[in-house]
Protein backbone atom coordinates (compact mmCIF):
# COMPACT_ATOMS: atom_id res chain seq x y z
CA UNK A 1 11.20 -8.11 5.84
CA UNK A 2 8.65 -5.72 7.35
CA UNK A 3 6.21 -7.09 9.93
CA UNK A 4 3.52 -5.88 7.57
CA UNK A 5 3.43 -8.44 4.78
CA UNK A 6 2.76 -7.61 1.15
CA UNK A 7 -0.67 -9.22 1.45
CA UNK A 8 -1.68 -6.74 4.16
CA UNK A 9 -0.32 -3.77 2.20
CA UNK A 10 -1.97 -4.76 -1.09
CA UNK A 11 -5.21 -6.50 -0.19
CA UNK A 12 -7.44 -8.25 -2.70
CA UNK A 13 -10.32 -10.72 -2.57
CA UNK A 14 -9.85 -11.70 -6.21
CA UNK A 15 -8.58 -15.28 -6.10
CA UNK A 16 -6.41 -15.13 -9.23
CA UNK A 17 -4.74 -11.89 -8.16
CA UNK A 18 -4.37 -13.11 -4.57
CA UNK A 19 -2.45 -16.18 -5.82
CA UNK A 20 -0.07 -13.94 -7.78
CA UNK A 21 0.41 -11.70 -4.76
CA UNK A 22 1.28 -14.78 -2.68
CA UNK A 23 3.97 -15.74 -5.22
CA UNK A 24 5.27 -12.16 -5.18
CA UNK A 25 5.32 -12.18 -1.38
CA UNK A 26 7.66 -15.17 -1.40
CA UNK A 27 10.04 -13.15 -3.58
CA UNK A 28 9.68 -9.90 -1.66
CA UNK A 29 13.30 -9.88 -0.46
CA UNK A 30 14.85 -11.50 -3.52
CA UNK A 31 16.76 -9.32 -6.01
CA UNK A 32 14.69 -10.64 -8.94
CA UNK A 33 13.16 -8.08 -11.28
CA UNK A 34 9.37 -7.78 -10.99
CA UNK A 35 7.12 -7.02 -13.98
CA UNK A 36 3.67 -5.54 -13.33
CA UNK A 37 1.23 -5.56 -16.26
CA UNK A 38 -2.19 -3.92 -16.34
CA UNK A 39 -4.29 -1.12 -17.74
CA UNK A 40 -3.75 2.44 -16.60
CA UNK A 41 -5.08 2.95 -13.09
CA UNK A 42 -5.21 -0.71 -12.07
CA UNK A 43 -2.85 -0.21 -9.14
CA UNK A 44 0.62 -0.90 -10.54
CA UNK A 45 2.13 2.08 -8.70
CA UNK A 46 0.49 1.01 -5.43
CA UNK A 47 1.73 -2.56 -5.76
CA UNK A 48 5.27 -1.42 -6.59
CA UNK A 49 5.28 0.78 -3.49
CA UNK A 50 3.74 -1.98 -1.34
CA UNK A 51 6.45 -4.40 -2.52
CA UNK A 52 9.13 -1.91 -1.49
CA UNK A 53 7.51 -1.17 1.89
CA UNK A 54 7.13 -4.89 2.70
CA UNK A 55 10.78 -5.65 1.93
CA UNK A 56 14.01 -5.23 3.86
CA UNK A 57 14.73 -2.30 1.49
CA UNK A 58 11.90 -0.21 3.00
CA UNK A 59 14.29 2.21 4.73
CA UNK A 60 16.14 2.88 1.47
CA UNK A 61 14.93 5.10 -1.43
CA UNK A 62 11.96 4.28 -3.64
CA UNK A 63 12.68 6.01 -6.96
CA UNK A 64 10.01 6.23 -9.66
CA UNK A 65 11.27 6.56 -13.24
CA UNK A 66 8.70 7.66 -15.84
CA UNK A 67 9.90 5.97 -19.02
CA UNK A 68 7.24 7.72 -21.11
CA UNK A 69 9.00 11.04 -20.47
CA UNK A 70 12.50 9.78 -21.26
CA UNK A 71 13.65 10.68 -24.76
CA UNK A 72 16.84 9.08 -26.06
CA UNK A 73 18.62 12.41 -25.52
CA UNK A 74 17.71 12.43 -21.83
CA UNK A 75 17.86 8.71 -21.10
CA UNK A 76 21.52 8.34 -20.09
CA UNK A 77 21.71 11.64 -18.23
CA UNK A 78 18.55 10.96 -16.21
CA UNK A 79 19.21 7.30 -15.42
CA UNK A 80 23.01 7.15 -15.23
CA UNK A 81 23.79 10.75 -14.32
CA UNK A 82 26.54 12.93 -15.80
CA UNK A 83 29.85 14.48 -14.90
CA UNK A 84 30.63 18.18 -15.10
CA UNK A 85 31.29 19.23 -18.69
CA UNK A 86 29.77 16.04 -20.16
CA UNK A 87 27.64 18.22 -22.45
CA UNK A 88 26.75 21.87 -22.93
CA UNK A 89 25.01 23.08 -19.82
CA UNK A 90 26.42 20.39 -17.51
CA UNK A 91 28.02 22.89 -15.12
CA UNK A 92 27.99 20.45 -12.18
CA UNK A 93 28.07 16.67 -11.78
CA UNK A 94 24.72 15.01 -11.17
CA UNK A 95 23.92 11.48 -9.97
CA UNK A 96 21.40 9.54 -12.05
CA UNK A 97 18.18 7.99 -10.79
CA UNK A 98 19.72 4.50 -10.69
CA UNK A 99 22.45 5.86 -8.42
CA UNK A 100 19.92 7.69 -6.22
CA UNK A 101 17.96 4.45 -5.79
CA UNK A 102 21.06 2.94 -4.14
CA UNK A 103 20.01 -0.20 -2.23
CA UNK A 104 16.32 0.59 -2.47
CA UNK A 105 13.86 0.11 -5.33
CA UNK A 106 14.00 1.57 -8.83
CA UNK A 107 10.48 1.57 -10.28
CA UNK A 108 10.51 1.94 -14.08
CA UNK A 109 6.97 2.87 -15.09
CA UNK A 110 5.72 2.12 -18.62
CA UNK A 111 8.81 0.26 -19.81
CA UNK A 112 7.26 -0.28 -23.28
CA UNK A 113 7.87 3.44 -23.95
CA UNK A 114 11.65 2.92 -24.08
CA UNK A 115 13.17 2.99 -27.56
CA UNK A 116 15.12 -0.09 -28.76
CA UNK A 117 18.36 1.84 -28.18
CA UNK A 118 17.38 2.67 -24.60
CA UNK A 119 16.32 -0.94 -24.03
CA UNK A 120 19.76 -2.12 -25.14
CA UNK A 121 21.50 0.29 -22.73
CA UNK A 122 19.31 -0.76 -19.83
CA UNK A 123 19.87 -4.42 -20.70
CA UNK A 124 23.62 -3.94 -20.32
CA UNK A 125 23.07 -2.46 -16.86
CA UNK A 126 20.99 -5.48 -15.83
CA UNK A 127 23.56 -7.90 -17.21
CA UNK A 128 26.62 -6.23 -15.66
CA UNK A 129 24.90 -4.56 -12.66
CA UNK A 130 27.16 -1.56 -13.35
CA UNK A 131 26.95 1.75 -15.21
CA UNK A 132 28.97 4.93 -15.80
CA UNK A 133 27.81 8.50 -15.58
CA UNK A 134 27.68 10.30 -18.91
CA UNK A 135 31.19 11.66 -19.53
CA UNK A 136 32.60 9.64 -16.62
CA UNK A 137 34.96 6.67 -16.26
CA UNK A 138 34.10 5.43 -12.76
CA UNK A 139 31.96 2.32 -12.59
CA UNK A 140 28.92 2.57 -10.30
CA UNK A 141 27.19 -0.58 -9.08
CA UNK A 142 23.46 -0.91 -9.64
CA UNK A 143 22.32 -2.20 -6.24
CA UNK A 144 18.62 -1.40 -6.33
CA UNK A 145 15.77 -3.84 -6.83
CA UNK A 146 14.16 -3.20 -10.23
CA UNK A 147 10.38 -3.16 -10.64
CA UNK A 148 8.96 -2.38 -14.08
CA UNK A 149 5.40 -1.83 -15.28
CA UNK A 150 3.60 -1.83 -18.59
CA UNK A 151 0.08 -1.16 -19.85
CA UNK A 152 0.88 -3.23 -22.94
CA UNK A 153 1.37 -6.97 -23.26
CA UNK A 154 5.13 -7.08 -23.78
CA UNK A 155 5.08 -10.58 -25.26
CA UNK A 156 2.84 -9.23 -28.06
CA UNK A 157 5.23 -6.33 -28.62
CA UNK A 158 8.10 -8.80 -28.88
CA UNK A 159 6.12 -10.77 -31.48
CA UNK A 160 5.48 -7.52 -33.38
CA UNK A 161 9.19 -6.70 -33.34
CA UNK A 162 8.70 -3.45 -31.36
CA UNK A 163 10.26 -4.70 -28.11
CA UNK A 164 13.61 -6.44 -27.73
CA UNK A 165 13.18 -10.12 -26.80
CA UNK A 166 16.43 -10.25 -24.81
CA UNK A 167 15.33 -7.28 -22.70
CA UNK A 168 11.88 -8.81 -22.21
CA UNK A 169 13.29 -12.11 -20.96
CA UNK A 170 15.59 -10.24 -18.60
CA UNK A 171 12.76 -8.29 -16.92
CA UNK A 172 10.07 -11.01 -17.04
CA UNK A 173 11.31 -12.88 -13.98
CA UNK A 174 8.46 -12.47 -11.50
CA UNK A 175 5.35 -11.09 -13.20
CA UNK A 176 1.92 -10.04 -11.95
CA UNK A 177 -1.10 -9.14 -14.09
CA UNK A 178 -3.39 -6.60 -12.49
CA UNK A 179 -6.97 -7.00 -13.79
CA UNK A 180 -9.37 -4.13 -14.39
CA UNK A 181 -11.37 -3.10 -11.33
CA UNK A 182 -14.53 -4.26 -13.11
CA UNK A 183 -13.01 -7.76 -13.19
CA UNK A 184 -12.60 -7.77 -9.40
CA UNK A 185 -15.92 -6.36 -8.10
CA UNK A 186 -15.37 -8.02 -4.72
CA UNK A 187 -12.55 -5.51 -4.13
CA UNK A 188 -14.58 -2.34 -4.82
CA UNK A 189 -16.12 -1.82 -1.38
CA UNK A 190 -13.06 -2.86 0.70
CA UNK A 191 -10.94 -0.50 -1.39
CA UNK A 192 -13.53 2.29 -1.19
CA UNK A 193 -13.71 2.02 2.62
CA UNK A 194 -9.93 2.03 2.85
CA UNK A 195 -9.68 5.09 0.60
CA UNK A 196 -12.31 6.88 2.72
CA UNK A 197 -10.08 6.44 5.79
CA UNK A 198 -6.95 7.48 3.89
CA UNK A 199 -8.62 10.54 2.34
CA UNK A 200 -10.02 11.69 5.69
CA UNK A 201 -6.52 11.56 7.16
CA UNK A 202 -4.70 13.19 4.25
CA UNK A 203 -7.34 15.90 3.72
CA UNK A 204 -7.71 16.45 7.48
CA UNK A 205 -11.45 15.89 7.31
CA UNK A 206 -13.68 14.29 9.98
CA UNK A 207 -14.12 10.53 9.86
CA UNK A 208 -16.55 9.43 7.16
CA UNK A 209 -18.34 6.25 6.22
CA UNK A 210 -20.23 5.20 3.10
CA UNK A 211 -24.00 4.76 3.25
CA UNK A 212 -25.49 1.56 1.81
CA UNK A 213 -26.99 3.42 -1.18
CA UNK A 214 -23.60 5.04 -1.85
CA UNK A 215 -21.96 1.62 -1.76
CA UNK A 216 -24.64 0.36 -4.13
CA UNK A 217 -23.82 3.19 -6.54
CA UNK A 218 -20.12 2.33 -6.41
CA UNK A 219 -20.87 -1.34 -7.14
CA UNK A 220 -23.07 -0.40 -10.09
CA UNK A 221 -20.41 1.77 -11.76
CA UNK A 222 -18.24 0.25 -14.52
CA UNK A 223 -15.00 1.98 -13.39
CA UNK A 224 -13.32 2.65 -16.74
CA UNK A 225 -10.56 4.51 -14.85
CA UNK A 226 -10.01 1.52 -12.54
CA UNK A 227 -8.57 1.96 -9.02
CA UNK A 228 -7.26 5.45 -9.78
CA UNK A 229 -10.79 6.61 -10.65
CA UNK A 230 -12.11 5.11 -7.40
CA UNK A 231 -9.46 7.00 -5.41
CA UNK A 232 -10.44 10.31 -7.02
CA UNK A 233 -14.18 9.67 -6.54
CA UNK A 234 -13.70 8.93 -2.86
CA UNK A 235 -11.41 11.92 -2.31
CA UNK A 236 -14.02 14.26 -3.81
CA UNK A 237 -16.78 12.71 -1.71
CA UNK A 238 -14.77 12.97 1.52
CA UNK A 239 -13.91 16.59 0.72
CA UNK A 240 -17.44 17.73 -0.16
CA UNK A 241 -19.66 15.62 2.14
CA UNK A 242 -21.32 17.68 4.86
CA UNK A 243 -22.43 14.66 6.87
CA UNK A 244 -20.39 11.93 8.54
CA UNK A 245 -22.19 9.53 6.18
CA UNK A 246 -21.34 9.75 2.49
CA UNK A 247 -24.54 9.53 0.43
CA UNK A 248 -24.95 9.09 -3.33
CA UNK A 249 -25.46 12.85 -3.66
CA UNK A 250 -21.88 13.31 -2.44
CA UNK A 251 -20.48 11.15 -5.22
CA UNK A 252 -19.55 12.64 -8.62
CA UNK A 253 -22.36 12.01 -11.09
CA UNK A 254 -20.14 9.81 -13.27
CA UNK A 255 -19.69 7.33 -10.43
CA UNK A 256 -23.40 6.60 -10.15
CA UNK A 257 -24.93 3.71 -12.01
CA UNK A 258 -28.32 3.63 -13.67
CA UNK A 259 -31.37 2.31 -11.75
CA UNK A 260 -31.25 -0.83 -13.91
CA UNK A 261 -27.62 -1.38 -12.93
CA UNK A 262 -28.60 -0.94 -9.27
CA UNK A 263 -31.32 -3.56 -9.64
CA UNK A 264 -28.90 -6.01 -11.25
CA UNK A 265 -26.44 -5.39 -8.42
CA UNK A 266 -29.24 -5.92 -5.87
CA UNK A 267 -30.09 -9.30 -7.40
CA UNK A 268 -26.48 -10.40 -7.50
CA UNK A 269 -25.82 -9.25 -3.92
CA UNK A 270 -29.19 -10.50 -2.60
CA UNK A 271 -30.17 -7.18 -1.11
CA UNK A 272 -33.24 -6.75 1.08
CA UNK A 273 -36.15 -4.73 -0.30
CA UNK A 274 -35.34 -1.96 2.19
CA UNK A 275 -31.79 -1.69 0.89
CA UNK A 276 -32.94 -1.55 -2.74
CA UNK A 277 -35.57 1.06 -1.82
CA UNK A 278 -32.93 3.24 -0.19
CA UNK A 279 -30.77 3.00 -3.30
CA UNK A 280 -33.71 3.97 -5.53
CA UNK A 281 -34.60 6.93 -3.30
CA UNK A 282 -31.02 8.22 -3.34
CA UNK A 283 -30.83 7.92 -7.13
CA UNK A 284 -34.11 9.84 -7.44
CA UNK A 285 -32.76 12.53 -5.12
CA UNK A 286 -29.61 12.81 -7.22
CA UNK A 287 -31.62 13.20 -10.41
CA UNK A 288 -33.70 15.88 -8.70
CA UNK A 289 -30.51 17.79 -7.93
CA UNK A 290 -30.99 17.25 -4.20
CA UNK A 291 -34.41 18.94 -4.27
CA UNK A 292 -36.39 16.90 -1.72
CA UNK A 293 -39.75 18.38 -2.69
CA UNK A 294 -39.28 17.41 -6.33
CA UNK A 295 -37.88 13.99 -5.39
CA UNK A 296 -40.81 13.32 -3.03
CA UNK A 297 -43.28 14.23 -5.79
CA UNK A 298 -41.59 11.81 -8.21
CA UNK A 299 -41.58 9.08 -5.56
CA UNK A 300 -45.23 9.64 -4.69
CA UNK A 301 -44.57 10.36 -0.99
CA UNK A 302 -44.64 13.45 1.19
CA UNK A 303 -41.51 15.52 1.77
CA UNK A 304 -41.81 14.76 5.50
CA UNK A 305 -41.88 10.99 4.85
CA UNK A 306 -38.81 11.30 2.66
CA UNK A 307 -36.98 13.32 5.33
CA UNK A 308 -37.92 10.84 8.09
CA UNK A 309 -36.76 7.84 6.06
CA UNK A 310 -33.44 9.55 5.29
CA UNK A 311 -33.02 10.33 9.00
CA UNK A 312 -33.63 6.65 9.92
CA UNK A 313 -31.18 5.50 7.25
CA UNK A 314 -28.40 7.70 8.63
CA UNK A 315 -29.08 6.79 12.26
């Protein structure tokens, strides 16, 4: 197993999720199938990758399979591969994604999108741990660790008759439910700070940090797009910020909460009056389109006073 544990690769302060991550960490090097359930953007892809990177399979391939894009016509060819002449247009042999995954990790995203016929074929692979290329006779061993994800509650789909119960029981070995980001507010700022560092590196931008008012705005937002939305918000802020400190004006408008939401956050977080005042000033500046003269007039202070306070805040 990697010296970096799963807990360090996928950090959370949410107690319920942390307990599930601890269970998953104990199974990090086991061959058991892992099922990740959660809304779009909650971090299923990140957790699947973290599980792979924390395991002894880290040096082997991590292969993502988008089940939503696999029609029944493409399923066998894409997953199992095909031999030359297996169908019209198959001019060369091609290994499937399960073969490419080898001894690494095969990550099947949105498993609920598979048709009942595709579920049955995949079930046979999991039972026998073997498969044949389309048009081939040679048995290939499925040696990868399987991780699957779903936005839907699979147990409910089984009850509705739209998901095969035998396939569900085969993949529901170790399961983790990823809550919405709004359900784990204690993770918002640690994640945001981490994404700031990652975005600065990947975008080759100078080091950045979030101002207190910017953090307040992030806490006040409802995050309907979950972790994925937070990543995109931070990337845009890191890319467009002109200062080393990211202010609320640098955040996309949709990521800013209302003044009432900021006040509620301030009460919950026990902010000082100075911190709340800074948040209110930054929100007023945003609504004034960054026009300091207009913002100062609305705040009832001089433009110079507003500039001096902003300078002290950034110091």
